[in-house]
Amino acid sequence: MKTSLQPHLAIEPFTRVYSAEKGDALDELSNSIVDLVEDGKLDKAEEVSRQLLDRYPDQVDGLFSLGMVYEARGQNEKAAEYYRKAVDFMRSMPEFEEEAIDWVLEKAFRMESASFSKT
């Protein structure tokens, strides 16, 4: 089952700074989450997102990935919560461009708006 979400488009604005070794493992986990979400394997995507958050708490990927999972599930309030956590994290790190921060913040706003329109 494919979801309507296109997460591979969702991660392009990010700029990360880390070592190549850490980056490879981090990228592999992050990319696996994108694939899982695209394939509709949302429970596994959540599990891997939480592993990513535990293994790399100094990176935004786990927070953003959980936002993607909740968005794909239609859990807009939870998605907004994790996108906002990602924004807070990104604002605390100088390597993130304002454009990327604004982009994730816009995702949070859209999820919040979608939550309010359901009620």
N, C-alpha and C. Protein backbone atom coordinates (compact mmCIF):
# COMPACT_ATOMS: atom_id res chain seq x y z
N MET A 1 0.84 -1.18 0.00
CA MET A 1 0.00 0.00 0.00
C MET A 1 0.89 1.25 0.00
N LYS A 2 0.76 2.05 -1.00
CA LYS A 2 1.51 3.31 -1.08
C LYS A 2 0.68 4.42 -0.42
N THR A 3 1.37 5.34 0.24
CA THR A 3 0.68 6.48 0.82
C THR A 3 0.74 7.64 -0.16
N SER A 4 -0.08 8.63 0.08
CA SER A 4 -0.07 9.80 -0.80
C SER A 4 1.09 10.73 -0.48
N LEU A 5 1.72 10.52 0.65
CA LEU A 5 2.86 11.32 1.06
C LEU A 5 4.06 10.98 0.18
N GLN A 6 4.82 11.97 -0.17
CA GLN A 6 6.04 11.75 -0.95
C GLN A 6 7.23 12.20 -0.12
N PRO A 7 7.64 11.39 0.87
CA PRO A 7 8.69 11.83 1.79
C PRO A 7 10.03 12.06 1.13
N HIS A 8 10.32 11.41 0.01
CA HIS A 8 11.61 11.65 -0.63
C HIS A 8 11.75 13.10 -1.04
N LEU A 9 10.65 13.76 -1.28
CA LEU A 9 10.68 15.19 -1.58
C LEU A 9 10.78 16.00 -0.30
N ALA A 10 10.40 15.38 0.80
CA ALA A 10 10.28 16.09 2.06
C ALA A 10 11.62 16.36 2.74
N ILE A 11 12.68 15.69 2.36
CA ILE A 11 13.92 15.86 3.10
C ILE A 11 14.98 16.67 2.36
N GLU A 12 14.70 17.11 1.17
CA GLU A 12 15.69 17.83 0.38
C GLU A 12 16.21 19.13 0.99
N PRO A 13 15.41 19.93 1.71
CA PRO A 13 15.92 21.21 2.18
C PRO A 13 16.95 21.13 3.30
N PHE A 14 17.16 19.96 3.87
CA PHE A 14 18.06 19.87 5.01
C PHE A 14 19.52 19.99 4.63
N THR A 15 20.26 20.68 5.49
CA THR A 15 21.70 20.76 5.38
C THR A 15 22.26 20.19 6.68
N ARG A 16 23.06 19.13 6.59
CA ARG A 16 23.62 18.51 7.79
C ARG A 16 25.14 18.65 7.77
N VAL A 17 25.69 18.65 8.98
CA VAL A 17 27.14 18.67 9.12
C VAL A 17 27.50 17.53 10.06
N TYR A 18 28.19 16.51 9.55
CA TYR A 18 28.66 15.41 10.37
C TYR A 18 29.72 14.64 9.59
N SER A 19 30.40 13.74 10.29
CA SER A 19 31.48 12.97 9.65
C SER A 19 30.90 12.03 8.61
N ALA A 20 31.73 11.62 7.67
CA ALA A 20 31.27 10.71 6.61
C ALA A 20 30.80 9.39 7.18
N GLU A 21 31.49 8.84 8.17
CA GLU A 21 31.10 7.56 8.75
C GLU A 21 29.73 7.67 9.41
N LYS A 22 29.57 8.66 10.23
CA LYS A 22 28.29 8.88 10.89
C LYS A 22 27.23 9.20 9.85
N GLY A 23 27.58 9.99 8.86
CA GLY A 23 26.64 10.38 7.82
C GLY A 23 26.12 9.19 7.03
N ASP A 24 26.99 8.25 6.71
CA ASP A 24 26.55 7.08 5.96
C ASP A 24 25.53 6.27 6.74
N ALA A 25 25.81 5.99 8.00
CA ALA A 25 24.88 5.22 8.82
C ALA A 25 23.59 6.00 9.05
N LEU A 26 23.72 7.28 9.30
CA LEU A 26 22.56 8.13 9.50
C LEU A 26 21.71 8.20 8.24
N ASP A 27 22.36 8.42 7.11
CA ASP A 27 21.64 8.47 5.84
C ASP A 27 20.94 7.15 5.54
N GLU A 28 21.61 6.04 5.83
CA GLU A 28 21.02 4.73 5.56
C GLU A 28 19.73 4.54 6.38
N LEU A 29 19.79 4.86 7.65
CA LEU A 29 18.59 4.75 8.48
C LEU A 29 17.50 5.71 8.01
N SER A 30 17.87 6.96 7.76
CA SER A 30 16.89 7.95 7.30
C SER A 30 16.23 7.52 6.00
N ASN A 31 17.04 7.06 5.06
CA ASN A 31 16.49 6.63 3.77
C ASN A 31 15.60 5.41 3.91
N SER A 32 15.94 4.52 4.85
CA SER A 32 15.08 3.34 5.04
C SER A 32 13.71 3.76 5.55
N ILE A 33 13.66 4.81 6.34
CA ILE A 33 12.37 5.29 6.86
C ILE A 33 11.53 5.85 5.72
N VAL A 34 12.16 6.60 4.85
CA VAL A 34 11.44 7.14 3.69
C VAL A 34 10.84 6.00 2.88
N ASP A 35 11.64 4.95 2.62
CA ASP A 35 11.14 3.80 1.86
C ASP A 35 10.00 3.11 2.58
N LEU A 36 10.12 2.94 3.90
CA LEU A 36 9.06 2.29 4.67
C LEU A 36 7.76 3.09 4.62
N VAL A 37 7.87 4.40 4.74
CA VAL A 37 6.67 5.24 4.67
C VAL A 37 6.05 5.14 3.28
N GLU A 38 6.87 5.22 2.25
CA GLU A 38 6.35 5.12 0.88
C GLU A 38 5.66 3.78 0.64
N ASP A 39 6.15 2.71 1.30
CA ASP A 39 5.57 1.38 1.14
C ASP A 39 4.40 1.13 2.09
N GLY A 40 4.07 2.13 2.93
CA GLY A 40 2.95 1.99 3.85
C GLY A 40 3.26 1.14 5.07
N LYS A 41 4.53 0.88 5.33
CA LYS A 41 4.94 0.08 6.50
C LYS A 41 5.21 1.04 7.66
N LEU A 42 4.12 1.61 8.16
CA LEU A 42 4.25 2.72 9.09
C LEU A 42 4.67 2.30 10.49
N ASP A 43 4.28 1.11 10.94
CA ASP A 43 4.73 0.65 12.25
C ASP A 43 6.25 0.46 12.26
N LYS A 44 6.75 -0.15 11.21
CA LYS A 44 8.21 -0.35 11.10
C LYS A 44 8.92 0.99 10.94
N ALA A 45 8.32 1.90 10.17
CA ALA A 45 8.91 3.23 10.00
C ALA A 45 9.00 3.96 11.34
N GLU A 46 7.97 3.82 12.16
CA GLU A 46 8.01 4.45 13.48
C GLU A 46 9.10 3.82 14.35
N GLU A 47 9.20 2.50 14.30
CA GLU A 47 10.22 1.79 15.07
C GLU A 47 11.63 2.26 14.66
N VAL A 48 11.88 2.34 13.38
CA VAL A 48 13.20 2.76 12.90
C VAL A 48 13.43 4.24 13.22
N SER A 49 12.39 5.06 13.16
CA SER A 49 12.51 6.48 13.51
C SER A 49 12.94 6.64 14.97
N ARG A 50 12.36 5.83 15.83
CA ARG A 50 12.72 5.90 17.25
C ARG A 50 14.16 5.40 17.47
N GLN A 51 14.57 4.39 16.71
CA GLN A 51 15.97 3.95 16.77
C GLN A 51 16.90 5.08 16.32
N LEU A 52 16.51 5.76 15.27
CA LEU A 52 17.29 6.88 14.75
C LEU A 52 17.41 7.98 15.81
N LEU A 53 16.31 8.27 16.47
CA LEU A 53 16.31 9.29 17.51
C LEU A 53 17.21 8.87 18.68
N ASP A 54 17.17 7.58 19.04
CA ASP A 54 18.01 7.09 20.13
C ASP A 54 19.49 7.08 19.76
N ARG A 55 19.80 6.64 18.55
CA ARG A 55 21.20 6.52 18.13
C ARG A 55 21.84 7.85 17.79
N TYR A 56 21.04 8.78 17.28
CA TYR A 56 21.57 10.07 16.83
C TYR A 56 20.75 11.23 17.43
N PRO A 57 20.79 11.36 18.76
CA PRO A 57 20.00 12.44 19.38
C PRO A 57 20.51 13.83 19.02
N ASP A 58 21.72 13.89 18.47
CA ASP A 58 22.32 15.17 18.09
C ASP A 58 22.00 15.54 16.64
N GLN A 59 21.07 14.80 16.02
CA GLN A 59 20.64 15.08 14.65
C GLN A 59 19.12 15.25 14.62
N VAL A 60 18.62 15.97 13.67
CA VAL A 60 17.20 16.27 13.57
C VAL A 60 16.40 15.14 12.90
N ASP A 61 17.06 14.23 12.26
CA ASP A 61 16.41 13.21 11.44
C ASP A 61 15.33 12.41 12.16
N GLY A 62 15.59 12.00 13.39
CA GLY A 62 14.61 11.19 14.12
C GLY A 62 13.32 11.96 14.38
N LEU A 63 13.44 13.21 14.77
CA LEU A 63 12.25 14.03 15.02
C LEU A 63 11.45 14.24 13.73
N PHE A 64 12.18 14.59 12.67
CA PHE A 64 11.50 14.82 11.40
C PHE A 64 10.85 13.54 10.88
N SER A 65 11.54 12.41 11.03
CA SER A 65 10.99 11.14 10.55
C SER A 65 9.72 10.76 11.30
N LEU A 66 9.69 11.00 12.59
CA LEU A 66 8.46 10.72 13.33
C LEU A 66 7.33 11.62 12.85
N GLY A 67 7.63 12.86 12.51
CA GLY A 67 6.62 13.73 11.91
C GLY A 67 6.08 13.15 10.62
N MET A 68 6.99 12.62 9.78
CA MET A 68 6.56 12.01 8.52
C MET A 68 5.65 10.81 8.76
N VAL A 69 6.02 9.98 9.73
CA VAL A 69 5.23 8.78 10.03
C VAL A 69 3.83 9.18 10.47
N TYR A 70 3.75 10.11 11.40
CA TYR A 70 2.44 10.54 11.89
C TYR A 70 1.63 11.24 10.80
N GLU A 71 2.30 11.98 9.94
CA GLU A 71 1.61 12.60 8.81
C GLU A 71 1.01 11.53 7.90
N ALA A 72 1.79 10.51 7.60
CA ALA A 72 1.32 9.43 6.73
C ALA A 72 0.14 8.68 7.35
N ARG A 73 0.10 8.61 8.66
CA ARG A 73 -1.01 7.95 9.36
C ARG A 73 -2.25 8.84 9.46
N GLY A 74 -2.09 10.10 9.12
CA GLY A 74 -3.20 11.04 9.26
C GLY A 74 -3.35 11.55 10.68
N GLN A 75 -2.32 11.35 11.50
CA GLN A 75 -2.33 11.85 12.87
C GLN A 75 -1.68 13.24 12.87
N ASN A 76 -2.47 14.18 12.40
CA ASN A 76 -1.94 15.52 12.12
C ASN A 76 -1.41 16.24 13.34
N GLU A 77 -2.07 16.10 14.49
CA GLU A 77 -1.59 16.80 15.68
C GLU A 77 -0.23 16.26 16.11
N LYS A 78 -0.07 14.94 16.08
CA LYS A 78 1.22 14.34 16.43
C LYS A 78 2.29 14.72 15.41
N ALA A 79 1.92 14.74 14.13
CA ALA A 79 2.87 15.15 13.09
C ALA A 79 3.33 16.57 13.36
N ALA A 80 2.40 17.47 13.63
CA ALA A 80 2.74 18.87 13.91
C ALA A 80 3.66 18.97 15.13
N GLU A 81 3.38 18.17 16.15
CA GLU A 81 4.20 18.17 17.36
C GLU A 81 5.65 17.82 17.03
N TYR A 82 5.85 16.77 16.24
CA TYR A 82 7.22 16.37 15.92
C TYR A 82 7.88 17.31 14.92
N TYR A 83 7.12 17.88 14.00
CA TYR A 83 7.71 18.88 13.11
C TYR A 83 8.15 20.10 13.91
N ARG A 84 7.36 20.50 14.90
CA ARG A 84 7.75 21.64 15.75
C ARG A 84 8.99 21.32 16.58
N LYS A 85 9.06 20.07 17.07
CA LYS A 85 10.27 19.67 17.80
C LYS A 85 11.49 19.74 16.87
N ALA A 86 11.30 19.33 15.63
CA ALA A 86 12.39 19.41 14.65
C ALA A 86 12.79 20.87 14.42
N VAL A 87 11.81 21.76 14.31
CA VAL A 87 12.09 23.19 14.13
C VAL A 87 12.88 23.72 15.31
N ASP A 88 12.45 23.39 16.52
CA ASP A 88 13.17 23.85 17.72
C ASP A 88 14.62 23.37 17.70
N PHE A 89 14.80 22.10 17.34
CA PHE A 89 16.14 21.55 17.26
C PHE A 89 16.96 22.30 16.21
N MET A 90 16.38 22.49 15.04
CA MET A 90 17.10 23.15 13.94
C MET A 90 17.49 24.57 14.32
N ARG A 91 16.62 25.26 15.03
CA ARG A 91 16.93 26.64 15.44
C ARG A 91 18.08 26.68 16.43
N SER A 92 18.31 25.57 17.13
CA SER A 92 19.39 25.53 18.11
C SER A 92 20.74 25.21 17.48
N MET A 93 20.75 24.90 16.20
CA MET A 93 21.98 24.50 15.51
C MET A 93 22.28 25.48 14.38
N PRO A 94 23.48 26.01 14.35
CA PRO A 94 23.80 27.03 13.34
C PRO A 94 23.88 26.51 11.91
N GLU A 95 24.02 25.21 11.71
CA GLU A 95 24.22 24.71 10.34
C GLU A 95 22.95 24.64 9.51
N PHE A 96 21.79 24.84 10.10
CA PHE A 96 20.55 24.77 9.33
C PHE A 96 20.21 26.14 8.74
N GLU A 97 19.90 26.12 7.47
CA GLU A 97 19.52 27.35 6.78
C GLU A 97 18.09 27.72 7.16
N GLU A 98 17.83 29.01 7.16
CA GLU A 98 16.50 29.51 7.52
C GLU A 98 15.43 28.94 6.59
N GLU A 99 15.76 28.75 5.34
CA GLU A 99 14.81 28.19 4.37
C GLU A 99 14.34 26.80 4.80
N ALA A 100 15.26 25.97 5.27
CA ALA A 100 14.91 24.62 5.73
C ALA A 100 14.04 24.69 6.97
N ILE A 101 14.38 25.57 7.89
CA ILE A 101 13.59 25.73 9.11
C ILE A 101 12.17 26.19 8.75
N ASP A 102 12.07 27.17 7.89
CA ASP A 102 10.75 27.67 7.47
C ASP A 102 9.94 26.58 6.79
N TRP A 103 10.60 25.75 6.01
CA TRP A 103 9.92 24.67 5.29
C TRP A 103 9.29 23.67 6.27
N VAL A 104 10.05 23.28 7.32
CA VAL A 104 9.52 22.35 8.31
C VAL A 104 8.43 23.02 9.14
N LEU A 105 8.61 24.29 9.44
CA LEU A 105 7.59 25.03 10.17
C LEU A 105 6.29 25.09 9.38
N GLU A 106 6.39 25.27 8.08
CA GLU A 106 5.21 25.27 7.22
C GLU A 106 4.50 23.91 7.27
N LYS A 107 5.27 22.83 7.31
CA LYS A 107 4.67 21.49 7.44
C LYS A 107 3.89 21.40 8.75
N ALA A 108 4.45 21.93 9.83
CA ALA A 108 3.76 21.92 11.12
C ALA A 108 2.47 22.72 11.03
N PHE A 109 2.51 23.89 10.41
CA PHE A 109 1.29 24.70 10.25
C PHE A 109 0.23 23.96 9.45
N ARG A 110 0.66 23.28 8.37
CA ARG A 110 -0.30 22.53 7.55
C ARG A 110 -0.95 21.40 8.34
N MET A 111 -0.16 20.73 9.15
CA MET A 111 -0.70 19.63 9.96
C MET A 111 -1.67 20.17 11.00
N GLU A 112 -1.33 21.30 11.60
CA GLU A 112 -2.22 21.91 12.59
C GLU A 112 -3.51 22.36 11.93
N SER A 113 -3.40 22.95 10.76
CA SER A 113 -4.60 23.39 10.04
C SER A 113 -5.48 22.21 9.67
N ALA A 114 -4.85 21.12 9.24
CA ALA A 114 -5.61 19.93 8.89
C ALA A 114 -6.30 19.34 10.12
N SER A 115 -5.66 19.42 11.29
CA SER A 115 -6.27 18.93 12.53
C SER A 115 -7.51 19.74 12.88
N PHE A 116 -7.40 21.05 12.74
CA PHE A 116 -8.53 21.91 13.09
C PHE A 116 -9.68 21.74 12.09
N SER A 117 -9.38 21.47 10.85
CA SER A 117 -10.45 21.31 9.86
C SER A 117 -11.21 20.01 10.04
N LYS A 118 -10.62 19.04 10.74
CA LYS A 118 -11.31 17.76 11.00
C LYS A 118 -12.34 17.90 12.11
N THR A 119 -12.15 18.89 12.98
CA THR A 119 -13.06 19.04 14.12
C THR A 119 -14.25 19.90 13.78
